[in-house]
Amino acid sequence: MDYKYIEQLVERYWNGETSLEEEQILRAFFRQKEIPASLLRYKVFFAYENREKQKGLGDDFDTKILEKIEIPTIKAKRLTLRSRLMPLMKAAAMVAVVMLIGMIAEHSMDKQGESMIYVHDEYSETSSEPEVAVQQTVPEDSVKTMAVEDEEDISKDEEDISKEK
């Protein structure tokens, strides 16, 4: 048998010059049982399509594909009032901590110079004169006179305003 035509078709097939009818001729030829040794190396390539058609898909193909593409359903999480307010409570706690640290730092800076400890037994008066030690720093009468002077100043200001009008 002359296989030169088949060899020419194979050569044209690899060059991409065959038609669909010629490709079908090649597939039909390589489906035969008896193929010459020189063309035997091409049998696997052309018979591949027929083998795959015969295999087909398995019964569990659909279930496997659906398992891979199926999106899992996510149930809605129930939110309680506590879980909703938790970020707000955390923020309030952080603000309280920062304020407390600031107050402690301010208090420690203010009291830096006043770190004296007063002991009652070691107290001594600075003035040796008893009159100075007992004397009040601001006399009671001066407080009253200052209040009266302030009232007089206010009444004078009111009179000046009424005269200007």
N, C-alpha and C. Protein backbone atom coordinates (compact mmCIF):
# COMPACT_ATOMS: atom_id res chain seq x y z
N MET A 1 0.85 -1.18 0.00
CA MET A 1 0.00 0.00 0.00
C MET A 1 0.89 1.23 0.00
N ASP A 2 0.44 2.27 -0.68
CA ASP A 2 1.22 3.48 -0.83
C ASP A 2 0.78 4.49 0.24
N TYR A 3 1.73 4.84 1.07
CA TYR A 3 1.43 5.76 2.17
C TYR A 3 2.02 7.15 1.93
N LYS A 4 2.41 7.41 0.68
CA LYS A 4 2.99 8.72 0.36
C LYS A 4 1.96 9.84 0.51
N TYR A 5 0.72 9.58 0.16
CA TYR A 5 -0.34 10.59 0.31
C TYR A 5 -0.52 10.95 1.80
N ILE A 6 -0.52 9.94 2.65
CA ILE A 6 -0.67 10.17 4.09
C ILE A 6 0.53 10.95 4.62
N GLU A 7 1.72 10.60 4.16
CA GLU A 7 2.92 11.33 4.59
C GLU A 7 2.85 12.79 4.16
N GLN A 8 2.34 13.04 2.94
CA GLN A 8 2.18 14.42 2.47
C GLN A 8 1.15 15.17 3.32
N LEU A 9 0.06 14.48 3.67
CA LEU A 9 -0.96 15.13 4.52
C LEU A 9 -0.40 15.46 5.91
N VAL A 10 0.39 14.54 6.44
CA VAL A 10 1.00 14.81 7.77
C VAL A 10 1.93 16.01 7.68
N GLU A 11 2.71 16.06 6.59
CA GLU A 11 3.63 17.19 6.40
C GLU A 11 2.85 18.50 6.29
N ARG A 12 1.79 18.50 5.52
CA ARG A 12 0.96 19.71 5.37
C ARG A 12 0.24 20.05 6.68
N TYR A 13 -0.12 19.01 7.46
CA TYR A 13 -0.79 19.23 8.76
C TYR A 13 0.13 20.01 9.71
N TRP A 14 1.41 19.61 9.75
CA TRP A 14 2.36 20.30 10.63
C TRP A 14 2.65 21.71 10.13
N ASN A 15 2.50 21.96 8.89
CA ASN A 15 2.69 23.32 8.36
C ASN A 15 1.42 24.16 8.48
N GLY A 16 0.31 23.54 8.85
CA GLY A 16 -0.94 24.25 9.02
C GLY A 16 -1.65 24.52 7.72
N GLU A 17 -1.49 23.67 6.72
CA GLU A 17 -2.06 23.89 5.40
C GLU A 17 -3.18 22.92 5.06
N THR A 18 -3.64 22.12 5.97
CA THR A 18 -4.68 21.13 5.68
C THR A 18 -6.06 21.71 5.93
N SER A 19 -7.04 21.11 5.25
CA SER A 19 -8.43 21.50 5.46
C SER A 19 -9.04 20.56 6.50
N LEU A 20 -10.27 20.82 6.87
CA LEU A 20 -10.94 19.97 7.86
C LEU A 20 -11.16 18.55 7.31
N GLU A 21 -11.44 18.42 6.05
CA GLU A 21 -11.65 17.10 5.44
C GLU A 21 -10.37 16.27 5.46
N GLU A 22 -9.24 16.94 5.16
CA GLU A 22 -7.96 16.23 5.17
C GLU A 22 -7.57 15.80 6.59
N GLU A 23 -7.90 16.62 7.56
CA GLU A 23 -7.62 16.26 8.96
C GLU A 23 -8.48 15.06 9.38
N GLN A 24 -9.70 15.01 8.92
CA GLN A 24 -10.55 13.85 9.21
C GLN A 24 -10.00 12.58 8.56
N ILE A 25 -9.42 12.72 7.37
CA ILE A 25 -8.80 11.56 6.69
C ILE A 25 -7.63 11.04 7.53
N LEU A 26 -6.83 11.98 8.06
CA LEU A 26 -5.70 11.58 8.90
C LEU A 26 -6.18 10.86 10.17
N ARG A 27 -7.21 11.39 10.79
CA ARG A 27 -7.73 10.76 12.01
C ARG A 27 -8.28 9.35 11.72
N ALA A 28 -8.97 9.24 10.62
CA ALA A 28 -9.52 7.93 10.24
C ALA A 28 -8.39 6.94 9.94
N PHE A 29 -7.34 7.42 9.28
CA PHE A 29 -6.21 6.54 8.97
C PHE A 29 -5.53 6.04 10.24
N PHE A 30 -5.32 6.93 11.20
CA PHE A 30 -4.59 6.54 12.41
C PHE A 30 -5.47 5.76 13.40
N ARG A 31 -6.79 5.64 13.13
CA ARG A 31 -7.66 4.78 13.95
C ARG A 31 -7.51 3.31 13.55
N GLN A 32 -6.91 3.03 12.45
CA GLN A 32 -6.73 1.65 11.99
C GLN A 32 -5.77 0.91 12.92
N LYS A 33 -5.84 -0.41 12.85
CA LYS A 33 -4.96 -1.22 13.67
C LYS A 33 -3.58 -1.36 13.04
N GLU A 34 -3.51 -1.48 11.73
CA GLU A 34 -2.23 -1.67 11.05
C GLU A 34 -1.76 -0.35 10.44
N ILE A 35 -0.65 0.15 10.99
CA ILE A 35 -0.06 1.42 10.54
C ILE A 35 1.42 1.14 10.29
N PRO A 36 1.98 1.67 9.21
CA PRO A 36 3.41 1.43 8.95
C PRO A 36 4.29 2.03 10.05
N ALA A 37 5.46 1.46 10.23
CA ALA A 37 6.37 1.85 11.31
C ALA A 37 6.83 3.30 11.17
N SER A 38 6.95 3.80 9.96
CA SER A 38 7.40 5.18 9.76
C SER A 38 6.35 6.20 10.24
N LEU A 39 5.08 5.83 10.26
CA LEU A 39 4.01 6.75 10.69
C LEU A 39 3.47 6.42 12.09
N LEU A 40 4.01 5.41 12.70
CA LEU A 40 3.52 4.97 14.01
C LEU A 40 3.69 6.05 15.09
N ARG A 41 4.71 6.86 14.95
CA ARG A 41 4.94 7.91 15.96
C ARG A 41 3.83 8.96 15.98
N TYR A 42 3.07 9.13 14.92
CA TYR A 42 1.97 10.11 14.85
C TYR A 42 0.64 9.56 15.34
N LYS A 43 0.57 8.25 15.54
CA LYS A 43 -0.70 7.61 15.91
C LYS A 43 -1.23 8.14 17.24
N VAL A 44 -0.34 8.29 18.20
CA VAL A 44 -0.76 8.76 19.53
C VAL A 44 -1.39 10.15 19.43
N PHE A 45 -0.82 11.00 18.62
CA PHE A 45 -1.32 12.37 18.49
C PHE A 45 -2.71 12.41 17.88
N PHE A 46 -2.91 11.67 16.81
CA PHE A 46 -4.20 11.72 16.11
C PHE A 46 -5.27 10.86 16.79
N ALA A 47 -4.87 9.86 17.54
CA ALA A 47 -5.84 9.00 18.21
C ALA A 47 -6.26 9.55 19.58
N TYR A 48 -5.59 10.56 20.02
CA TYR A 48 -5.88 11.14 21.35
C TYR A 48 -7.32 11.63 21.44
N GLU A 49 -7.78 12.31 20.45
CA GLU A 49 -9.14 12.87 20.46
C GLU A 49 -10.18 11.76 20.58
N ASN A 50 -9.99 10.66 19.86
CA ASN A 50 -10.94 9.55 19.93
C ASN A 50 -10.95 8.90 21.31
N ARG A 51 -9.76 8.74 21.88
CA ARG A 51 -9.70 8.15 23.23
C ARG A 51 -10.44 9.01 24.24
N GLU A 52 -10.27 10.31 24.17
CA GLU A 52 -10.93 11.20 25.12
C GLU A 52 -12.44 11.22 24.92
N LYS A 53 -12.90 11.10 23.71
CA LYS A 53 -14.34 11.03 23.46
C LYS A 53 -14.93 9.79 24.10
N GLN A 54 -14.20 8.69 24.05
CA GLN A 54 -14.70 7.44 24.62
C GLN A 54 -14.68 7.47 26.15
N LYS A 55 -13.73 8.16 26.71
CA LYS A 55 -13.66 8.23 28.18
C LYS A 55 -14.91 8.88 28.74
N GLY A 56 -15.23 10.05 28.28
CA GLY A 56 -16.38 10.77 28.78
C GLY A 56 -16.16 11.28 30.20
N LEU A 57 -17.19 11.83 30.73
CA LEU A 57 -17.12 12.36 32.08
C LEU A 57 -17.67 11.32 33.05
N GLY A 58 -17.12 11.33 34.25
CA GLY A 58 -17.57 10.39 35.27
C GLY A 58 -18.91 10.81 35.85
N ASP A 59 -19.52 9.89 36.60
CA ASP A 59 -20.82 10.18 37.22
C ASP A 59 -20.70 11.26 38.30
N ASP A 60 -19.57 11.31 38.94
CA ASP A 60 -19.41 12.28 40.03
C ASP A 60 -18.80 13.60 39.57
N PHE A 61 -18.68 13.80 38.25
CA PHE A 61 -18.09 15.02 37.72
C PHE A 61 -18.86 16.27 38.17
N ASP A 62 -20.17 16.22 38.04
CA ASP A 62 -20.99 17.39 38.40
C ASP A 62 -20.84 17.73 39.88
N THR A 63 -20.86 16.73 40.74
CA THR A 63 -20.75 17.00 42.18
C THR A 63 -19.38 17.58 42.53
N LYS A 64 -18.32 17.09 41.88
CA LYS A 64 -16.98 17.61 42.14
C LYS A 64 -16.87 19.08 41.73
N ILE A 65 -17.39 19.39 40.56
CA ILE A 65 -17.33 20.77 40.07
C ILE A 65 -18.17 21.69 40.96
N LEU A 66 -19.36 21.25 41.33
CA LEU A 66 -20.21 22.08 42.18
C LEU A 66 -19.60 22.31 43.55
N GLU A 67 -18.90 21.34 44.08
CA GLU A 67 -18.24 21.51 45.37
C GLU A 67 -17.14 22.57 45.28
N LYS A 68 -16.45 22.59 44.15
CA LYS A 68 -15.36 23.55 43.99
C LYS A 68 -15.85 24.97 43.75
N ILE A 69 -16.97 25.13 43.06
CA ILE A 69 -17.43 26.48 42.74
C ILE A 69 -18.53 26.97 43.67
N GLU A 70 -19.10 26.11 44.48
CA GLU A 70 -20.20 26.52 45.35
C GLU A 70 -19.69 27.46 46.42
N ILE A 71 -20.37 28.58 46.57
CA ILE A 71 -20.00 29.57 47.56
C ILE A 71 -20.65 29.18 48.88
N PRO A 72 -19.85 29.08 49.93
CA PRO A 72 -20.44 28.70 51.21
C PRO A 72 -21.36 29.81 51.74
N THR A 73 -22.46 29.41 52.35
CA THR A 73 -23.38 30.39 52.89
C THR A 73 -22.87 30.85 54.25
N ILE A 74 -22.95 32.13 54.45
CA ILE A 74 -22.49 32.72 55.71
C ILE A 74 -23.71 33.16 56.49
N LYS A 75 -23.82 32.64 57.69
CA LYS A 75 -24.96 33.02 58.52
C LYS A 75 -24.67 34.37 59.15
N ALA A 76 -25.72 35.15 59.32
CA ALA A 76 -25.58 36.47 59.91
C ALA A 76 -25.27 36.32 61.40
N LYS A 77 -24.33 37.11 61.85
CA LYS A 77 -23.93 37.08 63.26
C LYS A 77 -24.84 38.03 64.03
N ARG A 78 -25.35 37.56 65.13
CA ARG A 78 -26.24 38.38 65.93
C ARG A 78 -25.42 39.33 66.79
N LEU A 79 -25.70 40.61 66.65
CA LEU A 79 -24.97 41.62 67.39
C LEU A 79 -25.76 42.04 68.62
N THR A 80 -25.13 41.98 69.77
CA THR A 80 -25.77 42.41 71.00
C THR A 80 -25.42 43.88 71.24
N LEU A 81 -26.12 44.48 72.19
CA LEU A 81 -25.86 45.87 72.52
C LEU A 81 -24.44 46.02 73.05
N ARG A 82 -24.00 45.04 73.80
CA ARG A 82 -22.65 45.08 74.37
C ARG A 82 -21.60 45.06 73.25
N SER A 83 -21.77 44.20 72.26
CA SER A 83 -20.80 44.12 71.18
C SER A 83 -20.83 45.38 70.31
N ARG A 84 -21.98 46.02 70.22
CA ARG A 84 -22.07 47.26 69.44
C ARG A 84 -21.38 48.42 70.16
N LEU A 85 -21.48 48.45 71.48
CA LEU A 85 -20.90 49.56 72.25
C LEU A 85 -19.46 49.31 72.68
N MET A 86 -18.94 48.13 72.42
CA MET A 86 -17.58 47.79 72.86
C MET A 86 -16.53 48.76 72.31
N PRO A 87 -16.56 49.14 71.04
CA PRO A 87 -15.54 50.11 70.57
C PRO A 87 -15.65 51.45 71.29
N LEU A 88 -16.86 51.88 71.59
CA LEU A 88 -17.05 53.14 72.30
C LEU A 88 -16.51 53.03 73.72
N MET A 89 -16.74 51.90 74.37
CA MET A 89 -16.23 51.71 75.74
C MET A 89 -14.70 51.67 75.74
N LYS A 90 -14.12 51.05 74.74
CA LYS A 90 -12.66 51.00 74.66
C LYS A 90 -12.09 52.40 74.48
N ALA A 91 -12.72 53.19 73.63
CA ALA A 91 -12.25 54.55 73.40
C ALA A 91 -12.37 55.39 74.66
N ALA A 92 -13.48 55.25 75.39
CA ALA A 92 -13.67 55.99 76.63
C ALA A 92 -12.63 55.58 77.68
N ALA A 93 -12.32 54.30 77.75
CA ALA A 93 -11.32 53.83 78.71
C ALA A 93 -9.94 54.39 78.35
N MET A 94 -9.63 54.46 77.07
CA MET A 94 -8.33 55.01 76.67
C MET A 94 -8.24 56.50 77.00
N VAL A 95 -9.32 57.23 76.78
CA VAL A 95 -9.33 58.66 77.12
C VAL A 95 -9.15 58.83 78.62
N ALA A 96 -9.83 58.00 79.42
CA ALA A 96 -9.70 58.09 80.88
C ALA A 96 -8.28 57.78 81.32
N VAL A 97 -7.65 56.81 80.74
CA VAL A 97 -6.27 56.47 81.10
C VAL A 97 -5.33 57.61 80.74
N VAL A 98 -5.50 58.19 79.56
CA VAL A 98 -4.65 59.30 79.15
C VAL A 98 -4.85 60.50 80.07
N MET A 99 -6.09 60.81 80.42
CA MET A 99 -6.37 61.93 81.33
C MET A 99 -5.75 61.68 82.71
N LEU A 100 -5.86 60.47 83.21
CA LEU A 100 -5.31 60.13 84.52
C LEU A 100 -3.79 60.27 84.52
N ILE A 101 -3.15 59.78 83.47
CA ILE A 101 -1.70 59.91 83.38
C ILE A 101 -1.30 61.38 83.30
N GLY A 102 -2.05 62.17 82.55
CA GLY A 102 -1.77 63.60 82.45
C GLY A 102 -1.92 64.32 83.79
N MET A 103 -2.96 63.97 84.52
CA MET A 103 -3.18 64.61 85.84
C MET A 103 -2.07 64.22 86.80
N ILE A 104 -1.66 62.97 86.78
CA ILE A 104 -0.58 62.53 87.66
C ILE A 104 0.72 63.23 87.31
N ALA A 105 1.00 63.36 86.02
CA ALA A 105 2.22 64.04 85.60
C ALA A 105 2.18 65.51 85.99
N GLU A 106 1.04 66.17 85.83
CA GLU A 106 0.91 67.57 86.20
C GLU A 106 1.06 67.75 87.71
N HIS A 107 0.45 66.87 88.46
CA HIS A 107 0.52 66.94 89.92
C HIS A 107 1.95 66.73 90.41
N SER A 108 2.67 65.82 89.79
CA SER A 108 4.04 65.56 90.22
C SER A 108 4.96 66.73 89.85
N MET A 109 4.66 67.44 88.76
CA MET A 109 5.48 68.59 88.37
C MET A 109 5.19 69.79 89.27
N ASP A 110 3.92 69.98 89.70
CA ASP A 110 3.56 71.09 90.57
C ASP A 110 4.15 70.93 91.96
N LYS A 111 4.19 69.75 92.45
CA LYS A 111 4.63 69.49 93.82
C LYS A 111 6.12 69.22 93.92
N GLN A 112 6.88 69.45 92.86
CA GLN A 112 8.29 69.13 92.89
C GLN A 112 9.03 69.97 93.94
N GLY A 113 8.75 71.25 94.05
CA GLY A 113 9.43 72.12 95.01
C GLY A 113 8.89 72.00 96.42
N GLU A 114 7.72 71.44 96.59
CA GLU A 114 7.07 71.35 97.90
C GLU A 114 7.22 69.96 98.49
N SER A 115 8.38 69.44 98.47
CA SER A 115 8.56 68.10 98.99
C SER A 115 9.01 68.11 100.45
N MET A 116 8.74 69.21 101.18
CA MET A 116 9.12 69.29 102.59
C MET A 116 8.13 68.51 103.44
N ILE A 117 8.65 67.94 104.46
CA ILE A 117 7.82 67.22 105.41
C ILE A 117 7.81 68.03 106.70
N TYR A 118 6.61 68.39 107.12
CA TYR A 118 6.47 69.19 108.33
C TYR A 118 6.30 68.26 109.52
N VAL A 119 7.16 68.43 110.46
CA VAL A 119 7.08 67.65 111.68
C VAL A 119 6.70 68.62 112.80
N HIS A 120 5.68 68.28 113.56
CA HIS A 120 5.14 69.17 114.59
C HIS A 120 6.17 69.48 115.67
N ASP A 121 6.96 68.51 116.03
CA ASP A 121 7.93 68.73 117.12
C ASP A 121 9.05 69.66 116.69
N GLU A 122 9.36 69.73 115.44
CA GLU A 122 10.47 70.55 114.97
C GLU A 122 10.03 71.96 114.57
N TYR A 123 8.75 72.30 114.71
CA TYR A 123 8.25 73.61 114.31
C TYR A 123 8.72 74.67 115.29
N SER A 124 9.22 75.75 114.75
CA SER A 124 9.61 76.87 115.61
C SER A 124 9.09 78.14 114.95
N GLU A 125 8.68 79.08 115.80
CA GLU A 125 8.17 80.34 115.27
C GLU A 125 9.32 81.18 114.79
N THR A 126 9.08 81.92 113.72
CA THR A 126 10.14 82.75 113.17
C THR A 126 10.25 84.09 113.88
N SER A 127 9.19 84.53 114.50
CA SER A 127 9.22 85.82 115.19
C SER A 127 9.36 85.60 116.69
N SER A 128 10.24 86.35 117.27
CA SER A 128 10.43 86.23 118.72
C SER A 128 9.49 87.15 119.49
N GLU A 129 8.87 88.09 118.81
CA GLU A 129 7.96 89.01 119.48
C GLU A 129 6.57 88.40 119.53
N PRO A 130 5.94 88.28 120.69
CA PRO A 130 4.62 87.67 120.79
C PRO A 130 3.54 88.50 120.11
N GLU A 131 3.71 89.82 120.01
CA GLU A 131 2.68 90.65 119.41
C GLU A 131 2.59 90.39 117.90
N VAL A 132 3.70 90.21 117.26
CA VAL A 132 3.71 89.99 115.83
C VAL A 132 3.13 88.63 115.50
N ALA A 133 3.41 87.65 116.33
CA ALA A 133 2.92 86.30 116.07
C ALA A 133 1.42 86.21 116.19
N VAL A 134 0.83 87.01 117.08
CA VAL A 134 -0.61 86.95 117.31
C VAL A 134 -1.35 87.88 116.37
N GLN A 135 -0.71 88.89 115.84
CA GLN A 135 -1.35 89.90 115.02
C GLN A 135 -1.89 89.27 113.72
N GLN A 136 -3.06 89.75 113.33
CA GLN A 136 -3.68 89.27 112.09
C GLN A 136 -3.01 89.96 110.90
N THR A 137 -2.94 89.27 109.81
CA THR A 137 -2.30 89.85 108.63
C THR A 137 -3.19 90.91 107.99
N VAL A 138 -4.51 90.68 107.95
CA VAL A 138 -5.44 91.68 107.40
C VAL A 138 -6.45 91.96 108.50
N PRO A 139 -6.51 93.20 108.99
CA PRO A 139 -7.48 93.52 110.05
C PRO A 139 -8.91 93.42 109.52
N GLU A 140 -9.81 93.04 110.42
CA GLU A 140 -11.21 92.88 110.04
C GLU A 140 -11.84 94.18 109.58
N ASP A 141 -11.42 95.29 110.18
CA ASP A 141 -11.99 96.58 109.82
C ASP A 141 -11.64 96.95 108.38
N SER A 142 -10.44 96.60 107.95
CA SER A 142 -10.03 96.97 106.61
C SER A 142 -10.87 96.23 105.55
N VAL A 143 -11.30 95.02 105.88
CA VAL A 143 -12.16 94.28 104.95
C VAL A 143 -13.49 95.01 104.81
N LYS A 144 -14.02 95.48 105.92
CA LYS A 144 -15.29 96.20 105.88
C LYS A 144 -15.13 97.53 105.16
N THR A 145 -14.03 98.22 105.42
CA THR A 145 -13.83 99.52 104.79
C THR A 145 -13.62 99.36 103.29
N MET A 146 -12.97 98.27 102.88
CA MET A 146 -12.78 98.05 101.45
C MET A 146 -14.12 97.81 100.77
N ALA A 147 -15.04 97.10 101.42
CA ALA A 147 -16.35 96.85 100.84
C ALA A 147 -17.13 98.15 100.72
N VAL A 148 -17.05 99.03 101.74
CA VAL A 148 -17.75 100.31 101.71
C VAL A 148 -17.17 101.20 100.62
N GLU A 149 -15.84 101.20 100.47
CA GLU A 149 -15.21 102.02 99.45
C GLU A 149 -15.64 101.57 98.04
N ASP A 150 -15.77 100.27 97.85
CA ASP A 150 -16.19 99.76 96.55
C ASP A 150 -17.61 100.21 96.23
N GLU A 151 -18.50 100.24 97.23
CA GLU A 151 -19.88 100.70 97.01
C GLU A 151 -19.92 102.17 96.65
N GLU A 152 -19.07 102.96 97.32
CA GLU A 152 -19.02 104.40 97.03
C GLU A 152 -18.53 104.64 95.60
N ASP A 153 -17.52 103.86 95.16
CA ASP A 153 -17.00 104.01 93.80
C ASP A 153 -18.08 103.68 92.77
N ILE A 154 -18.88 102.67 93.04
CA ILE A 154 -19.93 102.28 92.10
C ILE A 154 -20.99 103.38 92.01
N SER A 155 -21.37 103.95 93.15
CA SER A 155 -22.40 105.00 93.13
C SER A 155 -21.87 106.24 92.40
N LYS A 156 -20.57 106.58 92.58
CA LYS A 156 -19.99 107.73 91.87
C LYS A 156 -20.01 107.50 90.37
N ASP A 157 -19.69 106.29 89.95
CA ASP A 157 -19.69 105.98 88.52
C ASP A 157 -21.09 106.11 87.94
N GLU A 158 -22.11 105.71 88.68
CA GLU A 158 -23.49 105.80 88.20
C GLU A 158 -23.90 107.25 88.04
N GLU A 159 -23.47 108.09 89.00
CA GLU A 159 -23.82 109.51 88.93
C GLU A 159 -23.15 110.15 87.71
N ASP A 160 -21.91 109.80 87.44
CA ASP A 160 -21.19 110.37 86.29
C ASP A 160 -21.87 109.98 84.98
N ILE A 161 -22.35 108.79 84.88
CA ILE A 161 -23.01 108.32 83.67
C ILE A 161 -24.32 109.06 83.45
N SER A 162 -25.08 109.28 84.55
CA SER A 162 -26.36 109.98 84.42
C SER A 162 -26.15 111.45 84.04
N LYS A 163 -25.06 112.07 84.51
CA LYS A 163 -24.77 113.46 84.16
C LYS A 163 -24.41 113.61 82.70
N GLU A 164 -23.70 112.64 82.17
CA GLU A 164 -23.27 112.69 80.77
C GLU A 164 -24.45 112.62 79.82
N LYS A 165 -25.50 111.96 80.21
CA LYS A 165 -26.66 111.81 79.35
C LYS A 165 -27.40 113.11 79.31
